[in-house]
Full PDB file with SEQRES, HELIX, SHEET, SSBOND, CRYST1, ORIGX, SCALE, CONECT and MASTER records, all heavy atoms in Angstrom:
SEQRES   1 A   38  ARG PRO ALA ASP GLU ALA LEU LEU GLU VAL THR GLY ASP          
SEQRES   2 A   38  HIS LEU LEU ARG LEU ALA TRP HIS ILE GLY ASN ARG HIS          
SEQRES   3 A   38  MET PRO CYS GLN ILE GLU THR GLY ARG LEU LEU ILE              
HELIX    1 AA1 LEU A   15  ASN A   24  1                                  10    
SHEET    1 AA1 3 GLU A   9  VAL A  10  0                                        
SHEET    2 AA1 3 ARG A  35  LEU A  37 -1                                        
SHEET    3 AA1 3 GLN A  30  GLU A  32 -1                                        
CRYST1    1.000    1.000    1.000  90.00  90.00  90.00 P 1           1          
ORIGX1      1.000000  0.000000  0.000000        0.00000                         
ORIGX2      0.000000  1.000000  0.000000        0.00000                         
ORIGX3      0.000000  0.000000  1.000000        0.00000                         
SCALE1      1.000000  0.000000  0.000000        0.00000                         
SCALE2      0.000000  1.000000  0.000000        0.00000                         
SCALE3      0.000000  0.000000  1.000000        0.00000                         
ATOM      1  N   ARG A   1     -95.376  14.495   9.344  1.00  0.00           N  
ATOM      2  CA  ARG A   1     -96.565  14.772   8.537  1.00  0.00           C  
ATOM      3  C   ARG A   1     -96.349  16.062   7.763  1.00  0.00           C  
ATOM      4  O   ARG A   1     -95.702  16.995   8.242  1.00  0.00           O  
ATOM      5  CB  ARG A   1     -97.831  14.811   9.366  1.00  0.00           C  
ATOM      6  CG  ARG A   1     -97.871  15.840  10.447  1.00  0.00           C  
ATOM      7  CD  ARG A   1     -99.223  15.870  11.088  1.00  0.00           C  
ATOM      8  NE  ARG A   1     -99.983  16.869  10.339  1.00  0.00           N  
ATOM      9  CZ  ARG A   1    -100.930  17.602  10.844  1.00  0.00           C  
ATOM     10  NH1 ARG A   1    -101.310  17.439  12.073  1.00  0.00           N  
ATOM     11  NH2 ARG A   1    -101.536  18.509  10.125  1.00  0.00           N  
ATOM     12  N   PRO A   2     -96.876  16.120   6.545  1.00  0.00           N  
ATOM     13  CA  PRO A   2     -96.698  17.322   5.728  1.00  0.00           C  
ATOM     14  C   PRO A   2     -97.560  18.484   6.224  1.00  0.00           C  
ATOM     15  O   PRO A   2     -98.714  18.282   6.631  1.00  0.00           O  
ATOM     16  CB  PRO A   2     -97.126  16.891   4.323  1.00  0.00           C  
ATOM     17  CG  PRO A   2     -97.776  15.574   4.461  1.00  0.00           C  
ATOM     18  CD  PRO A   2     -97.528  15.047   5.826  1.00  0.00           C  
ATOM     19  N   ALA A   3     -96.999  19.671   6.181  1.00  0.00           N  
ATOM     20  CA  ALA A   3     -97.710  20.885   6.580  1.00  0.00           C  
ATOM     21  C   ALA A   3     -98.601  21.378   5.443  1.00  0.00           C  
ATOM     22  O   ALA A   3     -98.338  21.099   4.269  1.00  0.00           O  
ATOM     23  CB  ALA A   3     -96.702  21.975   6.944  1.00  0.00           C  
ATOM     24  N   ASP A   4     -99.633  22.116   5.788  1.00  0.00           N  
ATOM     25  CA  ASP A   4    -100.428  22.806   4.775  1.00  0.00           C  
ATOM     26  C   ASP A   4     -99.555  23.893   4.143  1.00  0.00           C  
ATOM     27  O   ASP A   4     -98.810  24.584   4.846  1.00  0.00           O  
ATOM     28  CB  ASP A   4    -101.664  23.463   5.400  1.00  0.00           C  
ATOM     29  CG  ASP A   4    -102.757  22.456   5.746  1.00  0.00           C  
ATOM     30  OD1 ASP A   4    -102.705  21.317   5.232  1.00  0.00           O  
ATOM     31  OD2 ASP A   4    -103.653  22.820   6.514  1.00  0.00           O  
ATOM     32  N   GLU A   5     -99.658  24.013   2.811  1.00  0.00           N  
ATOM     33  CA  GLU A   5     -98.865  24.993   2.077  1.00  0.00           C  
ATOM     34  C   GLU A   5     -99.726  25.691   1.042  1.00  0.00           C  
ATOM     35  O   GLU A   5    -100.738  25.151   0.598  1.00  0.00           O  
ATOM     36  CB  GLU A   5     -97.696  24.306   1.369  1.00  0.00           C  
ATOM     37  CG  GLU A   5     -96.758  23.593   2.318  1.00  0.00           C  
ATOM     38  CD  GLU A   5     -95.533  23.048   1.629  1.00  0.00           C  
ATOM     39  OE1 GLU A   5     -94.909  23.803   0.841  1.00  0.00           O  
ATOM     40  OE2 GLU A   5     -95.194  21.881   1.864  1.00  0.00           O  
ATOM     41  N   ALA A   6     -99.300  26.872   0.652  1.00  0.00           N  
ATOM     42  CA  ALA A   6     -99.969  27.622  -0.414  1.00  0.00           C  
ATOM     43  C   ALA A   6     -99.617  26.970  -1.744  1.00  0.00           C  
ATOM     44  O   ALA A   6     -98.460  26.998  -2.165  1.00  0.00           O  
ATOM     45  CB  ALA A   6     -99.528  29.081  -0.395  1.00  0.00           C  
ATOM     46  N   LEU A   7    -100.613  26.377  -2.412  1.00  0.00           N  
ATOM     47  CA  LEU A   7    -100.394  25.630  -3.647  1.00  0.00           C  
ATOM     48  C   LEU A   7    -101.299  26.137  -4.752  1.00  0.00           C  
ATOM     49  O   LEU A   7    -102.245  26.877  -4.500  1.00  0.00           O  
ATOM     50  CB  LEU A   7    -100.664  24.138  -3.423  1.00  0.00           C  
ATOM     51  CG  LEU A   7     -99.869  23.460  -2.315  1.00  0.00           C  
ATOM     52  CD1 LEU A   7    -100.373  22.042  -2.090  1.00  0.00           C  
ATOM     53  CD2 LEU A   7     -98.386  23.473  -2.629  1.00  0.00           C  
ATOM     54  N   LEU A   8    -101.008  25.688  -5.951  1.00  0.00           N  
ATOM     55  CA  LEU A   8    -101.824  25.983  -7.117  1.00  0.00           C  
ATOM     56  C   LEU A   8    -102.397  24.671  -7.624  1.00  0.00           C  
ATOM     57  O   LEU A   8    -101.645  23.745  -7.937  1.00  0.00           O  
ATOM     58  CB  LEU A   8    -100.976  26.652  -8.202  1.00  0.00           C  
ATOM     59  CG  LEU A   8    -101.701  27.127  -9.453  1.00  0.00           C  
ATOM     60  CD1 LEU A   8    -102.750  28.191  -9.111  1.00  0.00           C  
ATOM     61  CD2 LEU A   8    -100.693  27.684 -10.457  1.00  0.00           C  
ATOM     62  N   GLU A   9    -103.733  24.586  -7.658  1.00  0.00           N  
ATOM     63  CA  GLU A   9    -104.410  23.422  -8.208  1.00  0.00           C  
ATOM     64  C   GLU A   9    -104.588  23.639  -9.705  1.00  0.00           C  
ATOM     65  O   GLU A   9    -105.068  24.682 -10.139  1.00  0.00           O  
ATOM     66  CB  GLU A   9    -105.777  23.238  -7.552  1.00  0.00           C  
ATOM     67  CG  GLU A   9    -106.545  22.040  -8.082  1.00  0.00           C  
ATOM     68  CD  GLU A   9    -107.937  21.971  -7.515  1.00  0.00           C  
ATOM     69  OE1 GLU A   9    -108.780  22.826  -7.894  1.00  0.00           O  
ATOM     70  OE2 GLU A   9    -108.188  21.087  -6.684  1.00  0.00           O  
ATOM     71  N   VAL A  10    -104.184  22.638 -10.488  1.00  0.00           N  
ATOM     72  CA  VAL A  10    -104.231  22.718 -11.945  1.00  0.00           C  
ATOM     73  C   VAL A  10    -105.186  21.640 -12.448  1.00  0.00           C  
ATOM     74  O   VAL A  10    -105.006  20.462 -12.149  1.00  0.00           O  
ATOM     75  CB  VAL A  10    -102.833  22.497 -12.563  1.00  0.00           C  
ATOM     76  CG1 VAL A  10    -102.882  22.602 -14.080  1.00  0.00           C  
ATOM     77  CG2 VAL A  10    -101.814  23.467 -11.968  1.00  0.00           C  
ATOM     78  N   THR A  11    -106.205  22.064 -13.199  1.00  0.00           N  
ATOM     79  CA  THR A  11    -107.119  21.123 -13.841  1.00  0.00           C  
ATOM     80  C   THR A  11    -107.329  21.596 -15.278  1.00  0.00           C  
ATOM     81  O   THR A  11    -106.929  22.697 -15.646  1.00  0.00           O  
ATOM     82  CB  THR A  11    -108.482  21.042 -13.115  1.00  0.00           C  
ATOM     83  OG1 THR A  11    -109.071  22.341 -13.081  1.00  0.00           O  
ATOM     84  CG2 THR A  11    -108.334  20.508 -11.695  1.00  0.00           C  
ATOM     85  N   GLY A  12    -107.945  20.756 -16.070  1.00  0.00           N  
ATOM     86  CA  GLY A  12    -108.222  21.143 -17.447  1.00  0.00           C  
ATOM     87  C   GLY A  12    -108.465  19.926 -18.315  1.00  0.00           C  
ATOM     88  O   GLY A  12    -108.285  18.784 -17.883  1.00  0.00           O  
ATOM     89  N   ASP A  13    -108.867  20.191 -19.552  1.00  0.00           N  
ATOM     90  CA  ASP A  13    -109.190  19.120 -20.495  1.00  0.00           C  
ATOM     91  C   ASP A  13    -107.967  18.311 -20.920  1.00  0.00           C  
ATOM     92  O   ASP A  13    -108.087  17.153 -21.289  1.00  0.00           O  
ATOM     93  CB  ASP A  13    -109.868  19.696 -21.744  1.00  0.00           C  
ATOM     94  CG  ASP A  13    -111.243  20.264 -21.440  1.00  0.00           C  
ATOM     95  OD1 ASP A  13    -111.856  19.820 -20.442  1.00  0.00           O  
ATOM     96  OD2 ASP A  13    -111.689  21.142 -22.190  1.00  0.00           O  
ATOM     97  N   HIS A  14    -106.802  18.915 -20.892  1.00  0.00           N  
ATOM     98  CA  HIS A  14    -105.579  18.261 -21.371  1.00  0.00           C  
ATOM     99  C   HIS A  14    -104.572  18.149 -20.230  1.00  0.00           C  
ATOM    100  O   HIS A  14    -103.454  18.664 -20.317  1.00  0.00           O  
ATOM    101  CB  HIS A  14    -104.986  19.034 -22.554  1.00  0.00           C  
ATOM    102  CG  HIS A  14    -105.948  19.205 -23.683  1.00  0.00           C  
ATOM    103  ND1 HIS A  14    -106.320  18.167 -24.498  1.00  0.00           N  
ATOM    104  CD2 HIS A  14    -106.653  20.287 -24.095  1.00  0.00           C  
ATOM    105  CE1 HIS A  14    -107.191  18.601 -25.389  1.00  0.00           C  
ATOM    106  NE2 HIS A  14    -107.411  19.887 -25.160  1.00  0.00           N  
ATOM    107  N   LEU A  15    -104.976  17.437 -19.164  1.00  0.00           N  
ATOM    108  CA  LEU A  15    -104.162  17.371 -17.953  1.00  0.00           C  
ATOM    109  C   LEU A  15    -102.791  16.735 -18.203  1.00  0.00           C  
ATOM    110  O   LEU A  15    -101.796  17.186 -17.643  1.00  0.00           O  
ATOM    111  CB  LEU A  15    -104.915  16.602 -16.864  1.00  0.00           C  
ATOM    112  CG  LEU A  15    -104.499  16.865 -15.430  1.00  0.00           C  
ATOM    113  CD1 LEU A  15    -104.559  18.344 -15.084  1.00  0.00           C  
ATOM    114  CD2 LEU A  15    -105.349  16.060 -14.470  1.00  0.00           C  
ATOM    115  N   LEU A  16    -102.713  15.721 -19.058  1.00  0.00           N  
ATOM    116  CA  LEU A  16    -101.414  15.104 -19.349  1.00  0.00           C  
ATOM    117  C   LEU A  16    -100.471  16.101 -20.018  1.00  0.00           C  
ATOM    118  O   LEU A  16     -99.280  16.157 -19.703  1.00  0.00           O  
ATOM    119  CB  LEU A  16    -101.580  13.870 -20.232  1.00  0.00           C  
ATOM    120  CG  LEU A  16    -102.190  12.658 -19.548  1.00  0.00           C  
ATOM    121  CD1 LEU A  16    -102.403  11.529 -20.547  1.00  0.00           C  
ATOM    122  CD2 LEU A  16    -101.331  12.199 -18.393  1.00  0.00           C  
ATOM    123  N   ARG A  17    -100.988  16.895 -20.914  1.00  0.00           N  
ATOM    124  CA  ARG A  17    -100.177  17.922 -21.578  1.00  0.00           C  
ATOM    125  C   ARG A  17     -99.703  18.966 -20.573  1.00  0.00           C  
ATOM    126  O   ARG A  17     -98.544  19.391 -20.591  1.00  0.00           O  
ATOM    127  CB  ARG A  17    -100.990  18.577 -22.698  1.00  0.00           C  
ATOM    128  CG  ARG A  17    -100.200  19.557 -23.537  1.00  0.00           C  
ATOM    129  CD  ARG A  17    -101.015  19.950 -24.794  1.00  0.00           C  
ATOM    130  NE  ARG A  17    -100.786  21.335 -25.095  1.00  0.00           N  
ATOM    131  CZ  ARG A  17    -101.589  22.350 -24.777  1.00  0.00           C  
ATOM    132  NH1 ARG A  17    -102.733  22.133 -24.187  1.00  0.00           N  
ATOM    133  NH2 ARG A  17    -101.273  23.577 -25.077  1.00  0.00           N  
ATOM    134  N   LEU A  18    -100.590  19.356 -19.665  1.00  0.00           N  
ATOM    135  CA  LEU A  18    -100.214  20.324 -18.636  1.00  0.00           C  
ATOM    136  C   LEU A  18     -99.144  19.735 -17.720  1.00  0.00           C  
ATOM    137  O   LEU A  18     -98.184  20.423 -17.350  1.00  0.00           O  
ATOM    138  CB  LEU A  18    -101.453  20.739 -17.838  1.00  0.00           C  
ATOM    139  CG  LEU A  18    -102.552  21.447 -18.635  1.00  0.00           C  
ATOM    140  CD1 LEU A  18    -103.815  21.593 -17.792  1.00  0.00           C  
ATOM    141  CD2 LEU A  18    -102.075  22.789 -19.157  1.00  0.00           C  
ATOM    142  N   ALA A  19     -99.298  18.461 -17.360  1.00  0.00           N  
ATOM    143  CA  ALA A  19     -98.297  17.793 -16.516  1.00  0.00           C  
ATOM    144  C   ALA A  19     -96.938  17.765 -17.213  1.00  0.00           C  
ATOM    145  O   ALA A  19     -95.894  17.961 -16.575  1.00  0.00           O  
ATOM    146  CB  ALA A  19     -98.754  16.381 -16.163  1.00  0.00           C  
ATOM    147  N   TRP A  20     -96.935  17.531 -18.525  1.00  0.00           N  
ATOM    148  CA  TRP A  20     -95.684  17.514 -19.277  1.00  0.00           C  
ATOM    149  C   TRP A  20     -94.994  18.875 -19.190  1.00  0.00           C  
ATOM    150  O   TRP A  20     -93.781  18.955 -18.954  1.00  0.00           O  
ATOM    151  CB  TRP A  20     -95.924  17.144 -20.749  1.00  0.00           C  
ATOM    152  CG  TRP A  20     -94.642  17.055 -21.501  1.00  0.00           C  
ATOM    153  CD1 TRP A  20     -93.841  15.963 -21.628  1.00  0.00           C  
ATOM    154  CD2 TRP A  20     -93.980  18.132 -22.190  1.00  0.00           C  
ATOM    155  NE1 TRP A  20     -92.719  16.284 -22.361  1.00  0.00           N  
ATOM    156  CE2 TRP A  20     -92.772  17.614 -22.720  1.00  0.00           C  
ATOM    157  CE3 TRP A  20     -94.287  19.463 -22.408  1.00  0.00           C  
ATOM    158  CZ2 TRP A  20     -91.885  18.387 -23.451  1.00  0.00           C  
ATOM    159  CZ3 TRP A  20     -93.392  20.243 -23.135  1.00  0.00           C  
ATOM    160  CH2 TRP A  20     -92.209  19.699 -23.653  1.00  0.00           C  
ATOM    161  N   HIS A  21     -95.752  19.957 -19.364  1.00  0.00           N  
ATOM    162  CA  HIS A  21     -95.157  21.299 -19.307  1.00  0.00           C  
ATOM    163  C   HIS A  21     -94.605  21.602 -17.915  1.00  0.00           C  
ATOM    164  O   HIS A  21     -93.542  22.217 -17.791  1.00  0.00           O  
ATOM    165  CB  HIS A  21     -96.186  22.361 -19.728  1.00  0.00           C  
ATOM    166  CG  HIS A  21     -96.359  22.448 -21.213  1.00  0.00           C  
ATOM    167  ND1 HIS A  21     -95.444  23.075 -22.027  1.00  0.00           N  
ATOM    168  CD2 HIS A  21     -97.331  21.964 -22.022  1.00  0.00           C  
ATOM    169  CE1 HIS A  21     -95.843  22.991 -23.286  1.00  0.00           C  
ATOM    170  NE2 HIS A  21     -96.981  22.316 -23.311  1.00  0.00           N  
ATOM    171  N   ILE A  22     -95.305  21.173 -16.880  1.00  0.00           N  
ATOM    172  CA  ILE A  22     -94.824  21.374 -15.508  1.00  0.00           C  
ATOM    173  C   ILE A  22     -93.531  20.588 -15.300  1.00  0.00           C  
ATOM    174  O   ILE A  22     -92.539  21.106 -14.793  1.00  0.00           O  
ATOM    175  CB  ILE A  22     -95.910  20.972 -14.490  1.00  0.00           C  
ATOM    176  CG1 ILE A  22     -97.079  21.960 -14.559  1.00  0.00           C  
ATOM    177  CG2 ILE A  22     -95.328  20.900 -13.076  1.00  0.00           C  
ATOM    178  CD1 ILE A  22     -98.330  21.492 -13.837  1.00  0.00           C  
ATOM    179  N   GLY A  23     -93.526  19.320 -15.706  1.00  0.00           N  
ATOM    180  CA  GLY A  23     -92.341  18.481 -15.555  1.00  0.00           C  
ATOM    181  C   GLY A  23     -91.165  18.972 -16.374  1.00  0.00           C  
ATOM    182  O   GLY A  23     -90.013  18.869 -15.947  1.00  0.00           O  
ATOM    183  N   ASN A  24     -91.443  19.535 -17.527  1.00  0.00           N  
ATOM    184  CA  ASN A  24     -90.386  20.063 -18.383  1.00  0.00           C  
ATOM    185  C   ASN A  24     -89.662  21.228 -17.716  1.00  0.00           C  
ATOM    186  O   ASN A  24     -88.527  21.544 -18.074  1.00  0.00           O  
ATOM    187  CB  ASN A  24     -90.964  20.490 -19.736  1.00  0.00           C  
ATOM    188  CG  ASN A  24     -89.889  20.746 -20.764  1.00  0.00           C  
ATOM    189  OD1 ASN A  24     -88.947  19.978 -20.895  1.00  0.00           O  
ATOM    190  ND2 ASN A  24     -90.034  21.846 -21.485  1.00  0.00           N  
ATOM    191  N   ARG A  25     -90.297  21.853 -16.755  1.00  0.00           N  
ATOM    192  CA  ARG A  25     -89.687  22.957 -16.001  1.00  0.00           C  
ATOM    193  C   ARG A  25     -89.164  22.484 -14.652  1.00  0.00           C  
ATOM    194  O   ARG A  25     -88.856  23.280 -13.780  1.00  0.00           O  
ATOM    195  CB  ARG A  25     -90.678  24.095 -15.843  1.00  0.00           C  
ATOM    196  CG  ARG A  25     -90.703  24.930 -17.122  1.00  0.00           C  
ATOM    197  CD  ARG A  25     -92.092  25.273 -17.556  1.00  0.00           C  
ATOM    198  NE  ARG A  25     -92.096  25.919 -18.860  1.00  0.00           N  
ATOM    199  CZ  ARG A  25     -92.383  25.291 -19.989  1.00  0.00           C  
ATOM    200  NH1 ARG A  25     -92.666  24.006 -19.988  1.00  0.00           N  
ATOM    201  NH2 ARG A  25     -92.398  25.935 -21.137  1.00  0.00           N  
ATOM    202  N   HIS A  26     -89.091  21.172 -14.451  1.00  0.00           N  
ATOM    203  CA  HIS A  26     -88.548  20.565 -13.228  1.00  0.00           C  
ATOM    204  C   HIS A  26     -89.266  21.041 -11.974  1.00  0.00           C  
ATOM    205  O   HIS A  26     -88.647  21.206 -10.922  1.00  0.00           O  
ATOM    206  CB  HIS A  26     -87.035  20.818 -13.112  1.00  0.00           C  
ATOM    207  CG  HIS A  26     -86.248  20.172 -14.187  1.00  0.00           C  
ATOM    208  ND1 HIS A  26     -85.621  18.958 -14.033  1.00  0.00           N  
ATOM    209  CD2 HIS A  26     -85.987  20.562 -15.464  1.00  0.00           C  
ATOM    210  CE1 HIS A  26     -85.015  18.637 -15.157  1.00  0.00           C  
ATOM    211  NE2 HIS A  26     -85.217  19.591 -16.045  1.00  0.00           N  
ATOM    212  N   MET A  27     -90.574  21.270 -12.090  1.00  0.00           N  
ATOM    213  CA  MET A  27     -91.377  21.694 -10.943  1.00  0.00           C  
ATOM    214  C   MET A  27     -91.860  20.463 -10.169  1.00  0.00           C  
ATOM    215  O   MET A  27     -92.402  19.552 -10.784  1.00  0.00           O  
ATOM    216  CB  MET A  27     -92.635  22.450 -11.404  1.00  0.00           C  
ATOM    217  CG  MET A  27     -92.406  23.791 -12.018  1.00  0.00           C  
ATOM    218  SD  MET A  27     -92.207  25.111 -10.815  1.00  0.00           S  
ATOM    219  CE  MET A  27     -93.649  24.973  -9.802  1.00  0.00           C  
ATOM    220  N   PRO A  28     -91.690  20.426  -8.864  1.00  0.00           N  
ATOM    221  CA  PRO A  28     -92.310  19.347  -8.094  1.00  0.00           C  
ATOM    222  C   PRO A  28     -93.821  19.390  -8.326  1.00  0.00           C  
ATOM    223  O   PRO A  28     -94.425  20.464  -8.345  1.00  0.00           O  
ATOM    224  CB  PRO A  28     -91.967  19.686  -6.647  1.00  0.00           C  
ATOM    225  CG  PRO A  28     -90.792  20.618  -6.735  1.00  0.00           C  
ATOM    226  CD  PRO A  28     -90.951  21.364  -8.025  1.00  0.00           C  
ATOM    227  N   CYS A  29     -94.430  18.224  -8.511  1.00  0.00           N  
ATOM    228  CA  CYS A  29     -95.845  18.161  -8.858  1.00  0.00           C  
ATOM    229  C   CYS A  29     -96.503  16.967  -8.172  1.00  0.00           C  
ATOM    230  O   CYS A  29     -96.015  15.838  -8.276  1.00  0.00           O  
ATOM    231  CB  CYS A  29     -95.988  18.048 -10.378  1.00  0.00           C  
ATOM    232  SG  CYS A  29     -97.694  18.018 -10.966  1.00  0.00           S  
ATOM    233  N   GLN A  30     -97.583  17.236  -7.477  1.00  0.00           N  
ATOM    234  CA  GLN A  30     -98.403  16.182  -6.882  1.00  0.00           C  
ATOM    235  C   GLN A  30     -99.464  15.803  -7.911  1.00  0.00           C  
ATOM    236  O   GLN A  30    -100.255  16.647  -8.328  1.00  0.00           O  
ATOM    237  CB  GLN A  30     -99.048  16.693  -5.594  1.00  0.00           C  
ATOM    238  CG  GLN A  30     -99.844  15.658  -4.843  1.00  0.00           C  
ATOM    239  CD  GLN A  30    -100.277  16.173  -3.494  1.00  0.00           C  
ATOM    240  OE1 GLN A  30     -99.574  16.953  -2.841  1.00  0.00           O  
ATOM    241  NE2 GLN A  30    -101.446  15.738  -3.052  1.00  0.00           N  
ATOM    242  N   ILE A  31     -99.461  14.541  -8.320  1.00  0.00           N  
ATOM    243  CA  ILE A  31    -100.347  14.076  -9.384  1.00  0.00           C  
ATOM    244  C   ILE A  31    -101.488  13.285  -8.770  1.00  0.00           C  
ATOM    245  O   ILE A  31    -101.255  12.294  -8.074  1.00  0.00           O  
ATOM    246  CB  ILE A  31     -99.566  13.209 -10.395  1.00  0.00           C  
ATOM    247  CG1 ILE A  31     -98.414  14.024 -10.984  1.00  0.00           C  
ATOM    248  CG2 ILE A  31    -100.491  12.673 -11.474  1.00  0.00           C  
ATOM    249  CD1 ILE A  31     -97.413  13.203 -11.764  1.00  0.00           C  
ATOM    250  N   GLU A  32    -102.703  13.730  -9.026  1.00  0.00           N  
ATOM    251  CA  GLU A  32    -103.894  13.058  -8.528  1.00  0.00           C  
ATOM    252  C   GLU A  32    -104.860  12.854  -9.682  1.00  0.00           C  
ATOM    253  O   GLU A  32    -104.720  13.466 -10.737  1.00  0.00           O  
ATOM    254  CB  GLU A  32    -104.560  13.900  -7.431  1.00  0.00           C  
ATOM    255  CG  GLU A  32    -103.683  14.117  -6.216  1.00  0.00           C  
ATOM    256  CD  GLU A  32    -104.354  14.970  -5.157  1.00  0.00           C  
ATOM    257  OE1 GLU A  32    -105.521  15.399  -5.357  1.00  0.00           O  
ATOM    258  OE2 GLU A  32    -103.708  15.228  -4.133  1.00  0.00           O  
ATOM    259  N   THR A  33    -105.848  12.015  -9.471  1.00  0.00           N  
ATOM    260  CA  THR A  33    -106.878  11.814 -10.483  1.00  0.00           C  
ATOM    261  C   THR A  33    -107.623  13.128 -10.678  1.00  0.00           C  
ATOM    262  O   THR A  33    -108.219  13.653  -9.746  1.00  0.00           O  
ATOM    263  CB  THR A  33    -107.869  10.713 -10.054  1.00  0.00           C  
ATOM    264  OG1 THR A  33    -107.128   9.511  -9.833  1.00  0.00           O  
ATOM    265  CG2 THR A  33    -108.921  10.481 -11.113  1.00  0.00           C  
ATOM    266  N   GLY A  34    -107.549  13.687 -11.881  1.00  0.00           N  
ATOM    267  CA  GLY A  34    -108.293  14.894 -12.202  1.00  0.00           C  
ATOM    268  C   GLY A  34    -107.650  16.210 -11.851  1.00  0.00           C  
ATOM    269  O   GLY A  34    -108.211  17.270 -12.150  1.00  0.00           O  
ATOM    270  N   ARG A  35    -106.472  16.188 -11.181  1.00  0.00           N  
ATOM    271  CA  ARG A  35    -105.828  17.458 -10.857  1.00  0.00           C  
ATOM    272  C   ARG A  35    -104.347  17.275 -10.575  1.00  0.00           C  
ATOM    273  O   ARG A  35    -103.878  16.183 -10.257  1.00  0.00           O  
ATOM    274  CB  ARG A  35    -106.497  18.134  -9.672  1.00  0.00           C  
ATOM    275  CG  ARG A  35    -106.167  17.504  -8.334  1.00  0.00           C  
ATOM    276  CD  ARG A  35    -106.778  18.272  -7.195  1.00  0.00           C  
ATOM    277  NE  ARG A  35    -106.293  17.766  -5.910  1.00  0.00           N  
ATOM    278  CZ  ARG A  35    -106.337  18.447  -4.786  1.00  0.00           C  
ATOM    279  NH1 ARG A  35    -106.873  19.656  -4.775  1.00  0.00           N  
ATOM    280  NH2 ARG A  35    -105.881  17.933  -3.674  1.00  0.00           N  
ATOM    281  N   LEU A  36    -103.635  18.397 -10.685  1.00  0.00           N  
ATOM    282  CA  LEU A  36    -102.223  18.475 -10.332  1.00  0.00           C  
ATOM    283  C   LEU A  36    -102.085  19.552  -9.268  1.00  0.00           C  
ATOM    284  O   LEU A  36    -102.836  20.534  -9.273  1.00  0.00           O  
ATOM    285  CB  LEU A  36    -101.382  18.873 -11.548  1.00  0.00           C  
ATOM    286  CG  LEU A  36    -101.561  18.038 -12.814  1.00  0.00           C  
ATOM    287  CD1 LEU A  36    -100.845  18.700 -13.995  1.00  0.00           C  
ATOM    288  CD2 LEU A  36    -101.050  16.634 -12.593  1.00  0.00           C  
ATOM    289  N   LEU A  37    -101.149  19.389  -8.352  1.00  0.00           N  
ATOM    290  CA  LEU A  37    -100.849  20.420  -7.366  1.00  0.00           C  
ATOM    291  C   LEU A  37     -99.380  20.796  -7.499  1.00  0.00           C  
ATOM    292  O   LEU A  37     -98.512  19.917  -7.567  1.00  0.00           O  
ATOM    293  CB  LEU A  37    -101.105  19.920  -5.941  1.00  0.00           C  
ATOM    294  CG  LEU A  37    -102.550  19.698  -5.540  1.00  0.00           C  
ATOM    295  CD1 LEU A  37    -102.625  19.070  -4.146  1.00  0.00           C  
ATOM    296  CD2 LEU A  37    -103.320  21.001  -5.569  1.00  0.00           C  
ATOM    297  N   ILE A  38     -99.111  22.096  -7.548  1.00  0.00           N  
ATOM    298  CA  ILE A  38     -97.745  22.601  -7.601  1.00  0.00           C  
ATOM    299  C   ILE A  38     -97.610  23.768  -6.625  1.00  0.00           C  
ATOM    300  O   ILE A  38     -98.607  24.349  -6.180  1.00  0.00           O  
ATOM    301  CB  ILE A  38     -97.341  23.051  -9.024  1.00  0.00           C  
ATOM    302  CG1 ILE A  38     -98.236  24.194  -9.518  1.00  0.00           C  
ATOM    303  CG2 ILE A  38     -97.369  21.868  -9.991  1.00  0.00           C  
ATOM    304  CD1 ILE A  38     -97.775  24.820 -10.834  1.00  0.00           C  
TER     305      ILE A  38                                                      
MASTER        0    0    0    1    3    0    0    6  304    1    0    3          
END                                                                             
């Protein structure tokens, strides 16, 4: 089971654009409806 970790929740009006920028930096990203976790 995954442990609790210190993460950053990312939300905003342009979530797809934000996800693209995160992915462009090869950051692991948890994608959920309405938010991203990194």
